C-alpha cells in the first residue's frame, strides 16, 4: 500500500469523475461533495476553506486531501484546525471516506493513520473524531488508531447518536 495525501488541484478532475462514479454506482453520497456541480467550483470551495483570509463565516479552517494510490483516488480526508459547535458535537476534526470499491482492504485505517501523522506534524496534540453510533466499521478504524471514546451524544438534527473519540498524538 503506497497511499499519499495530495491536496486537490485542477489536474485531478478526471480522477474525481471516476471516484464520484464509484459512489453513484453504489447509491451513496460521497463525503465532501455535497451539492457537487462541477470540479472547478468544488475546488474553489475547498480552497476558500483552507485559507483564513477567504474562510466563509460559518466554516472552520480545513485542509482537504485526496488519498491517492497508483494514480487512483482511494479516498478523501480532511483536518479541521478549529472548533465550532458543529465540529465539537457532530463532525469532529477529522473526516475520511474510502471509495466503495476499495472498502474492506484496510484503507480506512491507513487513511486515518496518514491524517493523524499530518496533524501531529502540524502541532496538534490531540484530535476529536466522531462517527455515527451504528457505523461499526468507522468505530473499529478509530479504535485501531488509539481512539479513546469520550461519550455518545444525540444529534437531534439527524436523529441519531454520535460517538465522540479523542486521539492523543
C-alpha atoms as a PDB file:
ATOM      1  CA  UNK A   1       0.000   0.000   0.000  1.00  0.00           C
ATOM      2  CA  UNK A   2       1.550   3.259  -1.126  1.00  0.00           C
ATOM      3  CA  UNK A   3      -1.034   5.835  -0.109  1.00  0.00           C
ATOM      4  CA  UNK A   4      -0.272   9.542  -0.371  1.00  0.00           C
ATOM      5  CA  UNK A   5      -2.122  12.605   0.920  1.00  0.00           C
ATOM      6  CA  UNK A   6      -2.432  15.014  -2.002  1.00  0.00           C
ATOM      7  CA  UNK A   7      -4.047  18.455  -1.904  1.00  0.00           C
ATOM      8  CA  UNK A   8      -6.653  18.522  -4.708  1.00  0.00           C
ATOM      9  CA  UNK A   9      -5.795  20.567  -7.775  1.00  0.00           C
ATOM     10  CA  UNK A  10      -7.041  21.001 -11.348  1.00  0.00           C
ATOM     11  CA  UNK A  11      -5.113  18.024 -12.704  1.00  0.00           C
ATOM     12  CA  UNK A  12      -7.267  15.637 -10.626  1.00  0.00           C
ATOM     13  CA  UNK A  13     -10.529  16.352 -12.461  1.00  0.00           C
ATOM     14  CA  UNK A  14     -10.622  13.044 -14.401  1.00  0.00           C
ATOM     15  CA  UNK A  15      -9.728  11.064 -11.286  1.00  0.00           C
ATOM     16  CA  UNK A  16     -12.583  12.752  -9.409  1.00  0.00           C
ATOM     17  CA  UNK A  17     -15.158  11.741 -12.023  1.00  0.00           C
ATOM     18  CA  UNK A  18     -14.104   8.110 -11.614  1.00  0.00           C
ATOM     19  CA  UNK A  19     -14.173   8.460  -7.809  1.00  0.00           C
ATOM     20  CA  UNK A  20     -17.649  10.021  -7.819  1.00  0.00           C
ATOM     21  CA  UNK A  21     -18.998   7.399 -10.227  1.00  0.00           C
ATOM     22  CA  UNK A  22     -17.932   4.700  -7.778  1.00  0.00           C
ATOM     23  CA  UNK A  23     -20.217   6.272  -5.152  1.00  0.00           C
ATOM     24  CA  UNK A  24     -23.015   6.874  -7.663  1.00  0.00           C
ATOM     25  CA  UNK A  25     -22.925   3.225  -8.755  1.00  0.00           C
ATOM     26  CA  UNK A  26     -23.416   2.258  -5.103  1.00  0.00           C
ATOM     27  CA  UNK A  27     -26.205   4.810  -4.479  1.00  0.00           C
ATOM     28  CA  UNK A  28     -24.072   6.659  -1.934  1.00  0.00           C
ATOM     29  CA  UNK A  29     -23.327  10.324  -1.332  1.00  0.00           C
ATOM     30  CA  UNK A  30     -19.545  10.898  -1.166  1.00  0.00           C
ATOM     31  CA  UNK A  31     -18.006  12.816   1.740  1.00  0.00           C
ATOM     32  CA  UNK A  32     -17.215  16.481   0.975  1.00  0.00           C
ATOM     33  CA  UNK A  33     -19.084  16.527  -2.325  1.00  0.00           C
ATOM     34  CA  UNK A  34     -22.491  17.796  -1.134  1.00  0.00           C
ATOM     35  CA  UNK A  35     -24.306  19.633  -3.919  1.00  0.00           C
ATOM     36  CA  UNK A  36     -21.449  18.911  -6.324  1.00  0.00           C
ATOM     37  CA  UNK A  37     -21.959  20.585  -9.692  1.00  0.00           C
ATOM     38  CA  UNK A  38     -18.514  20.692 -11.225  1.00  0.00           C
ATOM     39  CA  UNK A  39     -14.941  20.086 -10.169  1.00  0.00           C
ATOM     40  CA  UNK A  40     -13.670  23.664 -10.503  1.00  0.00           C
ATOM     41  CA  UNK A  41     -16.469  25.034  -8.299  1.00  0.00           C
ATOM     42  CA  UNK A  42     -15.778  22.329  -5.718  1.00  0.00           C
ATOM     43  CA  UNK A  43     -12.041  23.013  -5.852  1.00  0.00           C
ATOM     44  CA  UNK A  44     -12.681  26.713  -5.289  1.00  0.00           C
ATOM     45  CA  UNK A  45     -14.895  25.902  -2.284  1.00  0.00           C
ATOM     46  CA  UNK A  46     -12.264  23.777  -0.548  1.00  0.00           C
ATOM     47  CA  UNK A  47      -9.559  26.334  -1.340  1.00  0.00           C
ATOM     48  CA  UNK A  48     -11.656  29.064   0.332  1.00  0.00           C
ATOM     49  CA  UNK A  49     -11.942  26.881   3.437  1.00  0.00           C
ATOM     50  CA  UNK A  50      -8.187  26.324   3.590  1.00  0.00           C
ATOM     51  CA  UNK A  51      -7.252  29.997   3.925  1.00  0.00           C
ATOM     52  CA  UNK A  52      -8.076  32.208   6.932  1.00  0.00           C
ATOM     53  CA  UNK A  53      -8.428  35.242   4.644  1.00  0.00           C
ATOM     54  CA  UNK A  54     -11.127  33.619   2.477  1.00  0.00           C
ATOM     55  CA  UNK A  55     -12.792  31.362   5.022  1.00  0.00           C
ATOM     56  CA  UNK A  56     -16.614  31.567   4.897  1.00  0.00           C
ATOM     57  CA  UNK A  57     -18.085  32.891   8.158  1.00  0.00           C
ATOM     58  CA  UNK A  58     -19.903  29.662   9.027  1.00  0.00           C
ATOM     59  CA  UNK A  59     -16.867  27.391   8.465  1.00  0.00           C
ATOM     60  CA  UNK A  60     -13.634  26.472  10.254  1.00  0.00           C
ATOM     61  CA  UNK A  61     -10.191  26.357   8.690  1.00  0.00           C
ATOM     62  CA  UNK A  62      -9.870  22.988   6.933  1.00  0.00           C
ATOM     63  CA  UNK A  63      -7.320  21.197   4.781  1.00  0.00           C
ATOM     64  CA  UNK A  64      -8.763  18.598   2.418  1.00  0.00           C
ATOM     65  CA  UNK A  65      -6.726  15.809   0.836  1.00  0.00           C
ATOM     66  CA  UNK A  66      -7.286  13.160  -1.752  1.00  0.00           C
ATOM     67  CA  UNK A  67      -5.742   9.865  -0.748  1.00  0.00           C
ATOM     68  CA  UNK A  68      -4.118   8.524  -3.888  1.00  0.00           C
ATOM     69  CA  UNK A  69      -2.563   5.185  -4.760  1.00  0.00           C
ATOM     70  CA  UNK A  70      -1.238   4.425  -8.264  1.00  0.00           C
ATOM     71  CA  UNK A  71      -2.960   7.446  -9.814  1.00  0.00           C
ATOM     72  CA  UNK A  72      -6.362   6.489  -8.351  1.00  0.00           C
ATOM     73  CA  UNK A  73      -8.292   8.307  -5.648  1.00  0.00           C
ATOM     74  CA  UNK A  74      -8.816   5.728  -2.906  1.00  0.00           C
ATOM     75  CA  UNK A  75     -10.478   8.147  -0.538  1.00  0.00           C
ATOM     76  CA  UNK A  76     -10.682  11.640   0.860  1.00  0.00           C
ATOM     77  CA  UNK A  77      -9.860  13.089   4.249  1.00  0.00           C
ATOM     78  CA  UNK A  78      -9.804  16.461   5.908  1.00  0.00           C
ATOM     79  CA  UNK A  79      -8.492  18.102   9.034  1.00  0.00           C
ATOM     80  CA  UNK A  80     -10.252  20.967  10.777  1.00  0.00           C
ATOM     81  CA  UNK A  81      -7.969  23.293  12.747  1.00  0.00           C
ATOM     82  CA  UNK A  82     -10.587  24.920  14.966  1.00  0.00           C
ATOM     83  CA  UNK A  83     -13.762  24.137  16.849  1.00  0.00           C
ATOM     84  CA  UNK A  84     -17.268  25.440  16.452  1.00  0.00           C
ATOM     85  CA  UNK A  85     -20.427  23.793  17.747  1.00  0.00           C
ATOM     86  CA  UNK A  86     -20.745  21.551  14.686  1.00  0.00           C
ATOM     87  CA  UNK A  87     -17.144  20.315  14.873  1.00  0.00           C
ATOM     88  CA  UNK A  88     -17.207  19.834  18.642  1.00  0.00           C
ATOM     89  CA  UNK A  89     -20.502  17.966  18.772  1.00  0.00           C
ATOM     90  CA  UNK A  90     -21.033  16.304  15.407  1.00  0.00           C
ATOM     91  CA  UNK A  91     -18.324  16.232  12.753  1.00  0.00           C
ATOM     92  CA  UNK A  92     -15.090  16.148  14.750  1.00  0.00           C
ATOM     93  CA  UNK A  93     -11.797  17.492  13.427  1.00  0.00           C
ATOM     94  CA  UNK A  94     -11.088  14.637  11.027  1.00  0.00           C
ATOM     95  CA  UNK A  95     -13.320  13.215   8.349  1.00  0.00           C
ATOM     96  CA  UNK A  96     -12.404  10.450   5.935  1.00  0.00           C
ATOM     97  CA  UNK A  97     -14.050   8.210   3.378  1.00  0.00           C
ATOM     98  CA  UNK A  98     -12.994   5.254   1.257  1.00  0.00           C
ATOM     99  CA  UNK A  99     -14.483   4.736  -2.196  1.00  0.00           C
ATOM    100  CA  UNK A 100     -16.939   1.813  -2.183  1.00  0.00           C
ATOM    101  CA  UNK A 101     -14.911  -0.457  -4.487  1.00  0.00           C
ATOM    102  CA  UNK A 102     -11.875  -0.213  -2.166  1.00  0.00           C
ATOM    103  CA  UNK A 103     -13.540  -0.913   1.167  1.00  0.00           C
ATOM    104  CA  UNK A 104     -12.621  -3.895   3.359  1.00  0.00           C
ATOM    105  CA  UNK A 105      -8.949  -3.616   2.389  1.00  0.00           C
ATOM    106  CA  UNK A 106      -7.676  -1.711   5.449  1.00  0.00           C
ATOM    107  CA  UNK A 107      -7.652   1.594   3.562  1.00  0.00           C
ATOM    108  CA  UNK A 108      -9.755   3.381   6.198  1.00  0.00           C
ATOM    109  CA  UNK A 109      -7.260   2.529   8.942  1.00  0.00           C
ATOM    110  CA  UNK A 110      -4.348   3.658   6.765  1.00  0.00           C
ATOM    111  CA  UNK A 111      -6.064   6.891   5.707  1.00  0.00           C
ATOM    112  CA  UNK A 112      -6.753   7.807   9.323  1.00  0.00           C
ATOM    113  CA  UNK A 113      -3.171   6.952  10.243  1.00  0.00           C
ATOM    114  CA  UNK A 114      -1.866   9.288   7.496  1.00  0.00           C
ATOM    115  CA  UNK A 115      -4.018  12.243   8.523  1.00  0.00           C
ATOM    116  CA  UNK A 116      -3.028  11.707  12.176  1.00  0.00           C
ATOM    117  CA  UNK A 117       0.643  11.909  11.173  1.00  0.00           C
ATOM    118  CA  UNK A 118      -0.126  15.127   9.299  1.00  0.00           C
ATOM    119  CA  UNK A 119      -1.952  16.521  12.356  1.00  0.00           C
ATOM    120  CA  UNK A 120       0.983  15.702  14.615  1.00  0.00           C
ATOM    121  CA  UNK A 121       3.413  17.318  12.149  1.00  0.00           C
ATOM    122  CA  UNK A 122       1.203  20.422  12.362  1.00  0.00           C
ATOM    123  CA  UNK A 123       1.452  20.642  16.157  1.00  0.00           C
ATOM    124  CA  UNK A 124      -1.814  19.002  17.175  1.00  0.00           C
ATOM    125  CA  UNK A 125      -1.508  17.167  20.489  1.00  0.00           C
ATOM    126  CA  UNK A 126      -4.913  15.533  20.169  1.00  0.00           C
ATOM    127  CA  UNK A 127      -7.811  15.428  17.732  1.00  0.00           C
ATOM    128  CA  UNK A 128     -11.513  14.826  18.059  1.00  0.00           C
ATOM    129  CA  UNK A 129     -13.007  12.307  15.661  1.00  0.00           C
ATOM    130  CA  UNK A 130     -16.627  11.239  15.502  1.00  0.00           C
ATOM    131  CA  UNK A 131     -18.770   8.639  13.815  1.00  0.00           C
ATOM    132  CA  UNK A 132     -22.375   7.557  13.867  1.00  0.00           C
ATOM    133  CA  UNK A 133     -23.015   5.072  16.657  1.00  0.00           C
ATOM    134  CA  UNK A 134     -24.199   2.448  14.177  1.00  0.00           C
ATOM    135  CA  UNK A 135     -21.107   2.809  11.949  1.00  0.00           C
ATOM    136  CA  UNK A 136     -19.241  -0.239  13.214  1.00  0.00           C
ATOM    137  CA  UNK A 137     -16.531  -0.028  10.541  1.00  0.00           C
ATOM    138  CA  UNK A 138     -15.583   3.556  11.461  1.00  0.00           C
ATOM    139  CA  UNK A 139     -15.644   2.741  15.175  1.00  0.00           C
ATOM    140  CA  UNK A 140     -13.158  -0.084  14.557  1.00  0.00           C
ATOM    141  CA  UNK A 141     -10.927   2.142  12.406  1.00  0.00           C
ATOM    142  CA  UNK A 142     -10.861   4.863  15.069  1.00  0.00           C
ATOM    143  CA  UNK A 143     -10.183   2.348  17.844  1.00  0.00           C
ATOM    144  CA  UNK A 144      -7.341   0.741  15.808  1.00  0.00           C
ATOM    145  CA  UNK A 145      -5.795   4.218  15.713  1.00  0.00           C
ATOM    146  CA  UNK A 146      -5.993   4.546  19.524  1.00  0.00           C
ATOM    147  CA  UNK A 147      -9.283   6.401  19.680  1.00  0.00           C
ATOM    148  CA  UNK A 148     -10.482   6.912  23.249  1.00  0.00           C
ATOM    149  CA  UNK A 149     -14.288   7.048  23.407  1.00  0.00           C
ATOM    150  CA  UNK A 150     -15.311  10.086  25.428  1.00  0.00           C
ATOM    151  CA  UNK A 151     -19.069   9.813  25.092  1.00  0.00           C
ATOM    152  CA  UNK A 152     -22.052   9.256  22.835  1.00  0.00           C
ATOM    153  CA  UNK A 153     -24.292  12.231  22.159  1.00  0.00           C
ATOM    154  CA  UNK A 154     -27.604  12.635  20.407  1.00  0.00           C
ATOM    155  CA  UNK A 155     -27.714  14.633  17.165  1.00  0.00           C
ATOM    156  CA  UNK A 156     -31.258  15.982  17.077  1.00  0.00           C
ATOM    157  CA  UNK A 157     -30.786  17.444  13.569  1.00  0.00           C
ATOM    158  CA  UNK A 158     -30.198  13.995  12.090  1.00  0.00           C
ATOM    159  CA  UNK A 159     -31.984  11.932  14.759  1.00  0.00           C
ATOM    160  CA  UNK A 160     -29.006   9.698  15.545  1.00  0.00           C
ATOM    161  CA  UNK A 161     -26.338   9.083  18.147  1.00  0.00           C
ATOM    162  CA  UNK A 162     -22.752  10.220  17.563  1.00  0.00           C
ATOM    163  CA  UNK A 163     -19.697   8.580  19.136  1.00  0.00           C
ATOM    164  CA  UNK A 164     -17.015  11.119  20.107  1.00  0.00           C
ATOM    165  CA  UNK A 165     -13.418   9.895  20.328  1.00  0.00           C
ATOM    166  CA  UNK A 166     -10.178  11.667  21.217  1.00  0.00           C
ATOM    167  CA  UNK A 167      -6.898  10.514  19.729  1.00  0.00           C
ATOM    168  CA  UNK A 168      -3.762  11.707  21.524  1.00  0.00           C
ATOM    169  CA  UNK A 169      -0.799  12.268  19.241  1.00  0.00           C
END
